[in-house]
Amino acid sequence: MTDDARTDAAGGQDDVVALLMRQHGDIRNLFDDVERASGDERRDRFRELVRLLAVHETAEEEIVHPAARGLFDGAEQVVEERLTEERGAKERLKDLDEMDPGDPDFLPRLRTLREEVMKHARAEERYEFLHLRRYATPEQLAAMASAIRAAEATAPTRPHPGVESAAANVAVGPFAAVLDRARDAVRRGKSSGN
């Protein structure tokens, strides 16, 4: 996950839309990396992808979607559609996370997930981010970028289907994050031969 957000051309401040668009690019690149890799490298790249998707979606659910709901007409429907997409992606990602990346079914399922995630990202960019850029002030966009970074620092690192609302993320997220990060540490220890 990168910390460097693009800056808003008008004010030179961090901008949540640019930050999230950059992360969408990072997600696309990680899908490419996982597909090209094999063996341990595929497993490691996939774990990076799982982590990035999990923290990215959690931060959007906690910060972006609630902010969007109050900014423009029709926002409620736009946000609900994105949350439905996110839940489906979390379910597929969780299933993939339980698979061996060397399994012959892994890559076809990964490609299906990729198509869904990229379609979701395009919908966010077109129907949600465009409106955020149009209706939020530069100061609001900067504040959301800071809030996204804070949310990502404590977000779960694995998918948790059914935890798509800001309230659910606040209630369940900290506990899930602790468990996820402990599991990640155990996995890293096993991977390095410790």
N, C-alpha and C. Protein backbone atom coordinates (compact mmCIF):
# COMPACT_ATOMS: atom_id res chain seq x y z
N MET A 1 0.86 -1.16 0.00
CA MET A 1 0.00 0.00 0.00
C MET A 1 0.90 1.22 0.00
N THR A 2 0.60 2.16 -0.88
CA THR A 2 1.41 3.36 -0.93
C THR A 2 0.77 4.45 -0.11
N ASP A 3 1.60 5.30 0.48
CA ASP A 3 1.10 6.42 1.26
C ASP A 3 0.99 7.69 0.43
N ASP A 4 1.70 7.71 -0.70
CA ASP A 4 1.73 8.95 -1.46
C ASP A 4 0.48 9.11 -2.30
N ALA A 5 -0.29 10.12 -1.96
CA ALA A 5 -1.50 10.44 -2.73
C ALA A 5 -1.12 11.48 -3.77
N ARG A 6 -1.84 11.47 -4.85
CA ARG A 6 -1.69 12.55 -5.80
C ARG A 6 -2.21 13.82 -5.12
N THR A 7 -1.83 14.95 -5.65
CA THR A 7 -2.31 16.18 -5.04
C THR A 7 -3.36 16.82 -5.91
N ASP A 8 -4.22 17.58 -5.29
CA ASP A 8 -5.27 18.30 -5.99
C ASP A 8 -4.64 19.47 -6.72
N ALA A 9 -4.85 19.54 -8.01
CA ALA A 9 -4.22 20.58 -8.83
C ALA A 9 -4.63 21.99 -8.38
N ALA A 10 -5.84 22.12 -7.87
CA ALA A 10 -6.31 23.45 -7.49
C ALA A 10 -5.66 23.95 -6.21
N GLY A 11 -5.50 23.09 -5.23
CA GLY A 11 -5.04 23.57 -3.95
C GLY A 11 -3.76 22.95 -3.44
N GLY A 12 -3.22 21.94 -4.12
CA GLY A 12 -1.99 21.32 -3.67
C GLY A 12 -2.18 20.45 -2.45
N GLN A 13 -3.43 20.16 -2.05
CA GLN A 13 -3.68 19.34 -0.88
C GLN A 13 -3.89 17.89 -1.30
N ASP A 14 -3.70 16.99 -0.32
CA ASP A 14 -4.04 15.60 -0.58
C ASP A 14 -5.49 15.52 -0.97
N ASP A 15 -5.81 14.58 -1.82
CA ASP A 15 -7.13 14.46 -2.38
C ASP A 15 -7.56 13.00 -2.31
N VAL A 16 -8.68 12.71 -1.67
CA VAL A 16 -9.14 11.34 -1.48
C VAL A 16 -9.40 10.64 -2.81
N VAL A 17 -9.92 11.35 -3.79
CA VAL A 17 -10.21 10.73 -5.08
C VAL A 17 -8.92 10.28 -5.75
N ALA A 18 -7.91 11.13 -5.75
CA ALA A 18 -6.63 10.76 -6.35
C ALA A 18 -6.00 9.59 -5.60
N LEU A 19 -6.09 9.61 -4.27
CA LEU A 19 -5.54 8.52 -3.46
C LEU A 19 -6.20 7.19 -3.82
N LEU A 20 -7.52 7.19 -3.88
CA LEU A 20 -8.25 5.94 -4.18
C LEU A 20 -8.03 5.49 -5.62
N MET A 21 -7.94 6.43 -6.54
CA MET A 21 -7.66 6.06 -7.94
C MET A 21 -6.27 5.42 -8.04
N ARG A 22 -5.33 5.96 -7.29
CA ARG A 22 -3.97 5.38 -7.27
C ARG A 22 -4.03 3.95 -6.74
N GLN A 23 -4.82 3.73 -5.69
CA GLN A 23 -4.96 2.39 -5.15
C GLN A 23 -5.64 1.46 -6.14
N HIS A 24 -6.60 1.96 -6.90
CA HIS A 24 -7.21 1.12 -7.94
C HIS A 24 -6.14 0.67 -8.94
N GLY A 25 -5.23 1.55 -9.28
CA GLY A 25 -4.12 1.17 -10.17
C GLY A 25 -3.22 0.14 -9.52
N ASP A 26 -2.93 0.31 -8.23
CA ASP A 26 -2.11 -0.68 -7.51
C ASP A 26 -2.80 -2.04 -7.49
N ILE A 27 -4.10 -2.05 -7.33
CA ILE A 27 -4.86 -3.31 -7.33
C ILE A 27 -4.77 -3.98 -8.69
N ARG A 28 -4.94 -3.21 -9.76
CA ARG A 28 -4.81 -3.77 -11.12
C ARG A 28 -3.42 -4.39 -11.30
N ASN A 29 -2.39 -3.67 -10.87
CA ASN A 29 -1.02 -4.16 -11.01
C ASN A 29 -0.79 -5.44 -10.21
N LEU A 30 -1.35 -5.52 -9.01
CA LEU A 30 -1.19 -6.74 -8.20
C LEU A 30 -1.91 -7.93 -8.83
N PHE A 31 -3.07 -7.70 -9.42
CA PHE A 31 -3.72 -8.80 -10.14
C PHE A 31 -2.80 -9.31 -11.24
N ASP A 32 -2.16 -8.39 -11.99
CA ASP A 32 -1.20 -8.80 -13.03
C ASP A 32 -0.07 -9.61 -12.43
N ASP A 33 0.49 -9.13 -11.32
CA ASP A 33 1.61 -9.81 -10.67
C ASP A 33 1.23 -11.22 -10.24
N VAL A 34 0.05 -11.37 -9.65
CA VAL A 34 -0.39 -12.70 -9.20
C VAL A 34 -0.54 -13.64 -10.39
N GLU A 35 -1.15 -13.16 -11.46
CA GLU A 35 -1.36 -14.00 -12.63
C GLU A 35 -0.04 -14.44 -13.28
N ARG A 36 0.95 -13.55 -13.28
CA ARG A 36 2.24 -13.87 -13.92
C ARG A 36 3.12 -14.77 -13.06
N ALA A 37 2.95 -14.69 -11.76
CA ALA A 37 3.85 -15.39 -10.84
C ALA A 37 3.46 -16.86 -10.72
N SER A 38 4.33 -17.61 -10.07
CA SER A 38 4.04 -19.02 -9.78
C SER A 38 4.67 -19.37 -8.43
N GLY A 39 4.24 -20.50 -7.90
CA GLY A 39 4.81 -21.00 -6.65
C GLY A 39 4.68 -20.04 -5.49
N ASP A 40 5.76 -19.93 -4.71
CA ASP A 40 5.77 -19.07 -3.53
C ASP A 40 5.56 -17.60 -3.89
N GLU A 41 6.08 -17.19 -5.03
CA GLU A 41 5.91 -15.80 -5.43
C GLU A 41 4.43 -15.49 -5.69
N ARG A 42 3.71 -16.42 -6.32
CA ARG A 42 2.28 -16.20 -6.54
C ARG A 42 1.56 -16.09 -5.19
N ARG A 43 1.89 -16.96 -4.26
CA ARG A 43 1.27 -16.93 -2.94
C ARG A 43 1.53 -15.58 -2.27
N ASP A 44 2.78 -15.13 -2.31
CA ASP A 44 3.14 -13.86 -1.67
C ASP A 44 2.45 -12.66 -2.33
N ARG A 45 2.42 -12.65 -3.64
CA ARG A 45 1.75 -11.56 -4.36
C ARG A 45 0.26 -11.58 -4.07
N PHE A 46 -0.33 -12.77 -3.99
CA PHE A 46 -1.75 -12.88 -3.69
C PHE A 46 -2.05 -12.36 -2.29
N ARG A 47 -1.19 -12.67 -1.34
CA ARG A 47 -1.39 -12.17 0.02
C ARG A 47 -1.35 -10.64 0.04
N GLU A 48 -0.46 -10.05 -0.75
CA GLU A 48 -0.43 -8.59 -0.85
C GLU A 48 -1.75 -8.07 -1.42
N LEU A 49 -2.25 -8.75 -2.43
CA LEU A 49 -3.51 -8.34 -3.05
C LEU A 49 -4.66 -8.44 -2.06
N VAL A 50 -4.72 -9.54 -1.32
CA VAL A 50 -5.78 -9.72 -0.32
C VAL A 50 -5.72 -8.57 0.69
N ARG A 51 -4.54 -8.28 1.17
CA ARG A 51 -4.38 -7.21 2.17
C ARG A 51 -4.81 -5.87 1.60
N LEU A 52 -4.35 -5.54 0.40
CA LEU A 52 -4.69 -4.25 -0.21
C LEU A 52 -6.19 -4.13 -0.41
N LEU A 53 -6.81 -5.17 -0.96
CA LEU A 53 -8.26 -5.12 -1.18
C LEU A 53 -9.02 -4.97 0.14
N ALA A 54 -8.60 -5.72 1.15
CA ALA A 54 -9.30 -5.68 2.44
C ALA A 54 -9.22 -4.30 3.08
N VAL A 55 -8.03 -3.72 3.15
CA VAL A 55 -7.91 -2.42 3.82
C VAL A 55 -8.53 -1.31 2.97
N HIS A 56 -8.40 -1.40 1.66
CA HIS A 56 -8.98 -0.40 0.75
C HIS A 56 -10.49 -0.36 0.89
N GLU A 57 -11.13 -1.52 0.82
CA GLU A 57 -12.59 -1.57 0.91
C GLU A 57 -13.08 -1.14 2.28
N THR A 58 -12.40 -1.56 3.33
CA THR A 58 -12.80 -1.15 4.67
C THR A 58 -12.75 0.37 4.80
N ALA A 59 -11.69 0.98 4.32
CA ALA A 59 -11.55 2.44 4.42
C ALA A 59 -12.64 3.14 3.61
N GLU A 60 -12.94 2.62 2.43
CA GLU A 60 -14.03 3.23 1.65
C GLU A 60 -15.36 3.11 2.39
N GLU A 61 -15.59 1.94 2.98
CA GLU A 61 -16.85 1.72 3.70
C GLU A 61 -16.98 2.61 4.92
N GLU A 62 -15.87 2.91 5.58
CA GLU A 62 -15.90 3.74 6.78
C GLU A 62 -15.92 5.24 6.47
N ILE A 63 -15.28 5.65 5.38
CA ILE A 63 -15.08 7.07 5.12
C ILE A 63 -15.82 7.57 3.88
N VAL A 64 -15.56 6.96 2.75
CA VAL A 64 -16.05 7.48 1.48
C VAL A 64 -17.55 7.31 1.31
N HIS A 65 -18.04 6.10 1.50
CA HIS A 65 -19.47 5.87 1.27
C HIS A 65 -20.35 6.73 2.18
N PRO A 66 -20.05 6.81 3.49
CA PRO A 66 -20.88 7.69 4.33
C PRO A 66 -20.82 9.16 3.88
N ALA A 67 -19.66 9.63 3.45
CA ALA A 67 -19.54 11.01 2.99
C ALA A 67 -20.34 11.22 1.71
N ALA A 68 -20.28 10.26 0.81
CA ALA A 68 -20.99 10.38 -0.46
C ALA A 68 -22.50 10.42 -0.25
N ARG A 69 -22.99 9.66 0.72
CA ARG A 69 -24.45 9.59 0.95
C ARG A 69 -25.07 10.97 1.13
N GLY A 70 -24.35 11.90 1.70
CA GLY A 70 -24.91 13.23 1.96
C GLY A 70 -24.56 14.28 0.93
N LEU A 71 -23.84 13.93 -0.11
CA LEU A 71 -23.33 14.95 -1.03
C LEU A 71 -24.18 15.19 -2.27
N PHE A 72 -24.87 14.18 -2.78
CA PHE A 72 -25.54 14.37 -4.07
C PHE A 72 -26.82 13.54 -4.16
N ASP A 73 -27.72 14.00 -5.00
CA ASP A 73 -28.97 13.28 -5.23
C ASP A 73 -28.67 11.92 -5.84
N GLY A 74 -29.35 10.90 -5.35
CA GLY A 74 -29.15 9.55 -5.85
C GLY A 74 -27.99 8.82 -5.21
N ALA A 75 -27.33 9.46 -4.26
CA ALA A 75 -26.15 8.87 -3.64
C ALA A 75 -26.48 7.58 -2.89
N GLU A 76 -27.63 7.53 -2.26
CA GLU A 76 -28.01 6.34 -1.48
C GLU A 76 -28.00 5.10 -2.37
N GLN A 77 -28.59 5.18 -3.54
CA GLN A 77 -28.62 4.04 -4.45
C GLN A 77 -27.22 3.69 -4.95
N VAL A 78 -26.44 4.71 -5.29
CA VAL A 78 -25.07 4.49 -5.77
C VAL A 78 -24.26 3.75 -4.70
N VAL A 79 -24.35 4.19 -3.46
CA VAL A 79 -23.60 3.57 -2.38
C VAL A 79 -24.08 2.14 -2.12
N GLU A 80 -25.38 1.94 -2.12
CA GLU A 80 -25.91 0.59 -1.89
C GLU A 80 -25.44 -0.38 -2.97
N GLU A 81 -25.40 0.06 -4.21
CA GLU A 81 -24.90 -0.79 -5.30
C GLU A 81 -23.43 -1.13 -5.09
N ARG A 82 -22.63 -0.15 -4.66
CA ARG A 82 -21.20 -0.42 -4.41
C ARG A 82 -21.04 -1.39 -3.24
N LEU A 83 -21.84 -1.24 -2.20
CA LEU A 83 -21.75 -2.14 -1.05
C LEU A 83 -22.12 -3.58 -1.43
N THR A 84 -23.11 -3.73 -2.29
CA THR A 84 -23.48 -5.07 -2.77
C THR A 84 -22.32 -5.69 -3.55
N GLU A 85 -21.70 -4.90 -4.40
CA GLU A 85 -20.54 -5.38 -5.15
C GLU A 85 -19.40 -5.77 -4.21
N GLU A 86 -19.17 -4.94 -3.20
CA GLU A 86 -18.08 -5.20 -2.25
C GLU A 86 -18.32 -6.49 -1.47
N ARG A 87 -19.55 -6.73 -1.09
CA ARG A 87 -19.85 -7.97 -0.36
C ARG A 87 -19.56 -9.19 -1.24
N GLY A 88 -20.01 -9.15 -2.48
CA GLY A 88 -19.74 -10.27 -3.39
C GLY A 88 -18.25 -10.49 -3.60
N ALA A 89 -17.52 -9.41 -3.77
CA ALA A 89 -16.07 -9.53 -3.96
C ALA A 89 -15.40 -10.09 -2.71
N LYS A 90 -15.85 -9.67 -1.54
CA LYS A 90 -15.27 -10.19 -0.29
C LYS A 90 -15.53 -11.69 -0.17
N GLU A 91 -16.70 -12.13 -0.57
CA GLU A 91 -17.01 -13.57 -0.49
C GLU A 91 -16.09 -14.37 -1.41
N ARG A 92 -15.90 -13.88 -2.65
CA ARG A 92 -15.02 -14.58 -3.59
C ARG A 92 -13.57 -14.51 -3.14
N LEU A 93 -13.16 -13.36 -2.62
CA LEU A 93 -11.78 -13.21 -2.14
C LEU A 93 -11.51 -14.13 -0.96
N LYS A 94 -12.47 -14.25 -0.06
CA LYS A 94 -12.33 -15.15 1.08
C LYS A 94 -12.18 -16.59 0.61
N ASP A 95 -12.99 -17.00 -0.36
CA ASP A 95 -12.88 -18.35 -0.92
C ASP A 95 -11.50 -18.58 -1.54
N LEU A 96 -11.03 -17.60 -2.30
CA LEU A 96 -9.71 -17.72 -2.92
C LEU A 96 -8.60 -17.77 -1.88
N ASP A 97 -8.76 -16.99 -0.81
CA ASP A 97 -7.74 -16.93 0.24
C ASP A 97 -7.59 -18.28 0.93
N GLU A 98 -8.62 -19.09 0.88
CA GLU A 98 -8.57 -20.42 1.50
C GLU A 98 -8.04 -21.48 0.54
N MET A 99 -7.79 -21.10 -0.71
CA MET A 99 -7.28 -22.04 -1.71
C MET A 99 -5.75 -21.99 -1.77
N ASP A 100 -5.18 -23.05 -2.28
CA ASP A 100 -3.76 -23.08 -2.61
C ASP A 100 -3.61 -22.38 -3.96
N PRO A 101 -2.75 -21.33 -4.07
CA PRO A 101 -2.58 -20.65 -5.34
C PRO A 101 -2.07 -21.55 -6.47
N GLY A 102 -1.61 -22.76 -6.14
CA GLY A 102 -1.19 -23.70 -7.17
C GLY A 102 -2.32 -24.57 -7.68
N ASP A 103 -3.48 -24.50 -7.05
CA ASP A 103 -4.65 -25.27 -7.45
C ASP A 103 -5.05 -24.87 -8.88
N PRO A 104 -5.37 -25.84 -9.75
CA PRO A 104 -5.75 -25.50 -11.12
C PRO A 104 -6.97 -24.58 -11.22
N ASP A 105 -7.83 -24.58 -10.21
CA ASP A 105 -9.00 -23.70 -10.23
C ASP A 105 -8.70 -22.28 -9.76
N PHE A 106 -7.52 -22.08 -9.19
CA PHE A 106 -7.19 -20.78 -8.61
C PHE A 106 -7.20 -19.65 -9.64
N LEU A 107 -6.44 -19.80 -10.73
CA LEU A 107 -6.35 -18.71 -11.71
C LEU A 107 -7.68 -18.39 -12.37
N PRO A 108 -8.47 -19.37 -12.79
CA PRO A 108 -9.78 -19.00 -13.35
C PRO A 108 -10.66 -18.23 -12.35
N ARG A 109 -10.63 -18.64 -11.10
CA ARG A 109 -11.41 -17.92 -10.08
C ARG A 109 -10.83 -16.54 -9.82
N LEU A 110 -9.51 -16.43 -9.84
CA LEU A 110 -8.86 -15.12 -9.68
C LEU A 110 -9.27 -14.19 -10.81
N ARG A 111 -9.30 -14.70 -12.03
CA ARG A 111 -9.68 -13.87 -13.18
C ARG A 111 -11.13 -13.39 -13.07
N THR A 112 -11.99 -14.25 -12.59
CA THR A 112 -13.39 -13.85 -12.38
C THR A 112 -13.46 -12.74 -11.33
N LEU A 113 -12.74 -12.92 -10.23
CA LEU A 113 -12.69 -11.89 -9.20
C LEU A 113 -12.15 -10.59 -9.77
N ARG A 114 -11.10 -10.69 -10.56
CA ARG A 114 -10.49 -9.49 -11.15
C ARG A 114 -11.52 -8.72 -11.98
N GLU A 115 -12.27 -9.43 -12.82
CA GLU A 115 -13.29 -8.77 -13.64
C GLU A 115 -14.30 -8.03 -12.76
N GLU A 116 -14.73 -8.68 -11.69
CA GLU A 116 -15.71 -8.07 -10.80
C GLU A 116 -15.12 -6.87 -10.06
N VAL A 117 -13.91 -6.99 -9.59
CA VAL A 117 -13.26 -5.90 -8.85
C VAL A 117 -13.02 -4.70 -9.77
N MET A 118 -12.58 -4.95 -10.99
CA MET A 118 -12.33 -3.85 -11.92
C MET A 118 -13.63 -3.18 -12.35
N LYS A 119 -14.69 -3.96 -12.52
CA LYS A 119 -16.00 -3.38 -12.84
C LYS A 119 -16.46 -2.51 -11.67
N HIS A 120 -16.27 -3.00 -10.47
CA HIS A 120 -16.62 -2.24 -9.26
C HIS A 120 -15.81 -0.94 -9.19
N ALA A 121 -14.51 -1.02 -9.45
CA ALA A 121 -13.66 0.18 -9.39
C ALA A 121 -14.11 1.21 -10.42
N ARG A 122 -14.43 0.75 -11.63
CA ARG A 122 -14.92 1.69 -12.66
C ARG A 122 -16.23 2.34 -12.22
N ALA A 123 -17.13 1.57 -11.60
CA ALA A 123 -18.40 2.13 -11.13
C ALA A 123 -18.14 3.16 -10.02
N GLU A 124 -17.23 2.86 -9.11
CA GLU A 124 -16.90 3.85 -8.06
C GLU A 124 -16.39 5.13 -8.70
N GLU A 125 -15.46 4.99 -9.63
CA GLU A 125 -14.85 6.15 -10.26
C GLU A 125 -15.88 6.98 -11.01
N ARG A 126 -16.78 6.31 -11.69
CA ARG A 126 -17.76 7.00 -12.52
C ARG A 126 -18.93 7.57 -11.72
N TYR A 127 -19.46 6.79 -10.79
CA TYR A 127 -20.70 7.18 -10.13
C TYR A 127 -20.52 7.77 -8.73
N GLU A 128 -19.40 7.50 -8.11
CA GLU A 128 -19.20 8.01 -6.75
C GLU A 128 -18.07 9.04 -6.70
N PHE A 129 -16.90 8.68 -7.19
CA PHE A 129 -15.75 9.58 -7.11
C PHE A 129 -15.99 10.86 -7.91
N LEU A 130 -16.62 10.75 -9.07
CA LEU A 130 -16.91 11.92 -9.89
C LEU A 130 -17.75 12.93 -9.10
N HIS A 131 -18.75 12.41 -8.38
CA HIS A 131 -19.60 13.28 -7.57
C HIS A 131 -18.84 13.83 -6.35
N LEU A 132 -17.98 13.02 -5.76
CA LEU A 132 -17.18 13.53 -4.65
C LEU A 132 -16.35 14.72 -5.12
N ARG A 133 -15.72 14.55 -6.26
CA ARG A 133 -14.87 15.62 -6.81
C ARG A 133 -15.72 16.86 -7.10
N ARG A 134 -16.94 16.66 -7.60
CA ARG A 134 -17.80 17.77 -8.00
C ARG A 134 -18.38 18.53 -6.79
N TYR A 135 -18.78 17.79 -5.76
CA TYR A 135 -19.55 18.43 -4.68
C TYR A 135 -18.77 18.65 -3.37
N ALA A 136 -17.71 17.95 -3.15
CA ALA A 136 -16.93 18.16 -1.92
C ALA A 136 -15.92 19.28 -2.14
N THR A 137 -15.65 19.99 -1.09
CA THR A 137 -14.65 21.06 -1.17
C THR A 137 -13.25 20.44 -1.14
N PRO A 138 -12.24 21.18 -1.58
CA PRO A 138 -10.87 20.67 -1.48
C PRO A 138 -10.50 20.29 -0.04
N GLU A 139 -11.00 21.07 0.92
CA GLU A 139 -10.72 20.76 2.32
C GLU A 139 -11.38 19.43 2.74
N GLN A 140 -12.59 19.19 2.28
CA GLN A 140 -13.27 17.93 2.58
C GLN A 140 -12.53 16.75 1.94
N LEU A 141 -12.09 16.93 0.71
CA LEU A 141 -11.34 15.88 0.01
C LEU A 141 -10.03 15.57 0.73
N ALA A 142 -9.38 16.62 1.22
CA ALA A 142 -8.12 16.43 1.96
C ALA A 142 -8.39 15.74 3.29
N ALA A 143 -9.44 16.14 3.98
CA ALA A 143 -9.77 15.52 5.26
C ALA A 143 -10.11 14.04 5.07
N MET A 144 -10.82 13.72 3.99
CA MET A 144 -11.15 12.32 3.71
C MET A 144 -9.89 11.51 3.39
N ALA A 145 -8.94 12.11 2.69
CA ALA A 145 -7.68 11.40 2.39
C ALA A 145 -6.96 11.06 3.69
N SER A 146 -6.91 12.00 4.62
CA SER A 146 -6.28 11.73 5.92
C SER A 146 -7.04 10.66 6.68
N ALA A 147 -8.36 10.73 6.64
CA ALA A 147 -9.18 9.73 7.33
C ALA A 147 -9.02 8.35 6.71
N ILE A 148 -8.86 8.29 5.39
CA ILE A 148 -8.63 7.00 4.71
C ILE A 148 -7.33 6.38 5.22
N ARG A 149 -6.28 7.17 5.29
CA ARG A 149 -4.99 6.64 5.77
C ARG A 149 -5.10 6.12 7.20
N ALA A 150 -5.82 6.84 8.04
CA ALA A 150 -5.98 6.40 9.42
C ALA A 150 -6.79 5.11 9.48
N ALA A 151 -7.86 5.03 8.70
CA ALA A 151 -8.69 3.82 8.69
C ALA A 151 -7.89 2.62 8.18
N GLU A 152 -7.08 2.83 7.16
CA GLU A 152 -6.28 1.72 6.60
C GLU A 152 -5.25 1.20 7.60
N ALA A 153 -4.74 2.08 8.44
CA ALA A 153 -3.72 1.67 9.40
C ALA A 153 -4.25 0.67 10.43
N THR A 154 -5.55 0.68 10.66
CA THR A 154 -6.13 -0.22 11.65
C THR A 154 -7.16 -1.18 11.06
N ALA A 155 -7.27 -1.23 9.76
CA ALA A 155 -8.28 -2.05 9.09
C ALA A 155 -7.90 -3.54 9.11
N PRO A 156 -8.92 -4.40 9.05
CA PRO A 156 -8.63 -5.83 8.88
C PRO A 156 -7.85 -6.05 7.58
N THR A 157 -7.01 -7.07 7.58
CA THR A 157 -6.18 -7.35 6.41
C THR A 157 -6.71 -8.53 5.59
N ARG A 158 -7.89 -8.99 5.93
CA ARG A 158 -8.54 -10.08 5.22
C ARG A 158 -10.00 -9.70 4.99
N PRO A 159 -10.62 -10.33 3.99
CA PRO A 159 -12.02 -10.01 3.73
C PRO A 159 -12.95 -10.56 4.80
N HIS A 160 -13.95 -9.77 5.13
CA HIS A 160 -14.97 -10.17 6.10
C HIS A 160 -16.35 -9.88 5.50
N PRO A 161 -16.85 -10.81 4.67
CA PRO A 161 -18.17 -10.59 4.05
C PRO A 161 -19.23 -10.35 5.12
N GLY A 162 -20.13 -9.41 4.84
CA GLY A 162 -21.18 -9.07 5.78
C GLY A 162 -20.84 -7.87 6.64
N VAL A 163 -19.60 -7.42 6.55
CA VAL A 163 -19.17 -6.24 7.32
C VAL A 163 -18.89 -5.14 6.30
N GLU A 164 -19.97 -4.56 5.76
CA GLU A 164 -19.81 -3.54 4.74
C GLU A 164 -20.25 -2.14 5.16
N SER A 165 -20.89 -2.00 6.28
CA SER A 165 -21.32 -0.66 6.69
C SER A 165 -20.26 -0.02 7.59
N ALA A 166 -20.32 1.29 7.67
CA ALA A 166 -19.38 1.99 8.55
C ALA A 166 -19.57 1.53 9.99
N ALA A 167 -20.83 1.39 10.41
CA ALA A 167 -21.10 0.96 11.80
C ALA A 167 -20.56 -0.44 12.05
N ALA A 168 -20.77 -1.36 11.12
CA ALA A 168 -20.27 -2.73 11.30
C ALA A 168 -18.75 -2.75 11.31
N ASN A 169 -18.13 -1.94 10.47
CA ASN A 169 -16.66 -1.88 10.46
C ASN A 169 -16.12 -1.34 11.78
N VAL A 170 -16.79 -0.35 12.35
CA VAL A 170 -16.34 0.21 13.62
C VAL A 170 -16.54 -0.80 14.74
N ALA A 171 -17.66 -1.54 14.70
CA ALA A 171 -17.96 -2.50 15.77
C ALA A 171 -17.10 -3.75 15.68
N VAL A 172 -16.92 -4.29 14.48
CA VAL A 172 -16.24 -5.57 14.29
C VAL A 172 -14.80 -5.40 13.84
N GLY A 173 -14.55 -4.33 13.10
CA GLY A 173 -13.25 -4.13 12.47
C GLY A 173 -12.04 -4.23 13.38
N PRO A 174 -12.02 -3.56 14.53
CA PRO A 174 -10.83 -3.63 15.38
C PRO A 174 -10.50 -5.06 15.83
N PHE A 175 -11.51 -5.83 16.17
CA PHE A 175 -11.28 -7.21 16.59
C PHE A 175 -10.80 -8.05 15.42
N ALA A 176 -11.45 -7.87 14.28
CA ALA A 176 -11.05 -8.61 13.08
C ALA A 176 -9.62 -8.24 12.68
N ALA A 177 -9.28 -6.96 12.80
CA ALA A 177 -7.94 -6.51 12.43
C ALA A 177 -6.88 -7.16 13.29
N VAL A 178 -7.12 -7.24 14.59
CA VAL A 178 -6.14 -7.87 15.49
C VAL A 178 -5.95 -9.34 15.11
N LEU A 179 -7.05 -10.04 14.89
CA LEU A 179 -6.95 -11.46 14.51
C LEU A 179 -6.27 -11.63 13.15
N ASP A 180 -6.64 -10.79 12.20
CA ASP A 180 -6.04 -10.86 10.86
C ASP A 180 -4.54 -10.61 10.92
N ARG A 181 -4.14 -9.61 11.65
CA ARG A 181 -2.72 -9.26 11.72
C ARG A 181 -1.91 -10.34 12.46
N ALA A 182 -2.54 -10.99 13.43
CA ALA A 182 -1.88 -12.12 14.10
C ALA A 182 -1.72 -13.28 13.13
N ARG A 183 -2.77 -13.58 12.36
CA ARG A 183 -2.67 -14.64 11.34
C ARG A 183 -1.61 -14.30 10.30
N ASP A 184 -1.54 -13.04 9.91
CA ASP A 184 -0.52 -12.63 8.94
C ASP A 184 0.88 -12.86 9.49
N ALA A 185 1.09 -12.55 10.75
CA ALA A 185 2.41 -12.75 11.38
C ALA A 185 2.76 -14.23 11.42
N VAL A 186 1.80 -15.08 11.74
CA VAL A 186 2.05 -16.53 11.75
C VAL A 186 2.39 -17.01 10.35
N ARG A 187 1.64 -16.55 9.35
CA ARG A 187 1.93 -16.94 7.95
C ARG A 187 3.32 -16.51 7.54
N ARG A 188 3.69 -15.26 7.89
CA ARG A 188 5.04 -14.78 7.53
C ARG A 188 6.11 -15.65 8.18
N GLY A 189 5.87 -16.03 9.43
CA GLY A 189 6.84 -16.89 10.14
C GLY A 189 6.98 -18.24 9.46
N LYS A 190 5.89 -18.83 9.03
CA LYS A 190 5.93 -20.12 8.34
C LYS A 190 6.61 -19.98 6.98
N SER A 191 6.35 -18.88 6.29
CA SER A 191 6.91 -18.66 4.96
C SER A 191 8.42 -18.48 5.01
N SER A 192 8.90 -17.86 6.09
CA SER A 192 10.34 -17.60 6.17
C SER A 192 11.10 -18.76 6.81
N GLY A 193 10.36 -19.81 7.18
CA GLY A 193 11.03 -20.98 7.73
C GLY A 193 11.26 -20.93 9.20
N ASN A 194 10.70 -19.97 9.90
CA ASN A 194 10.87 -19.87 11.35
C ASN A 194 9.99 -20.82 12.07
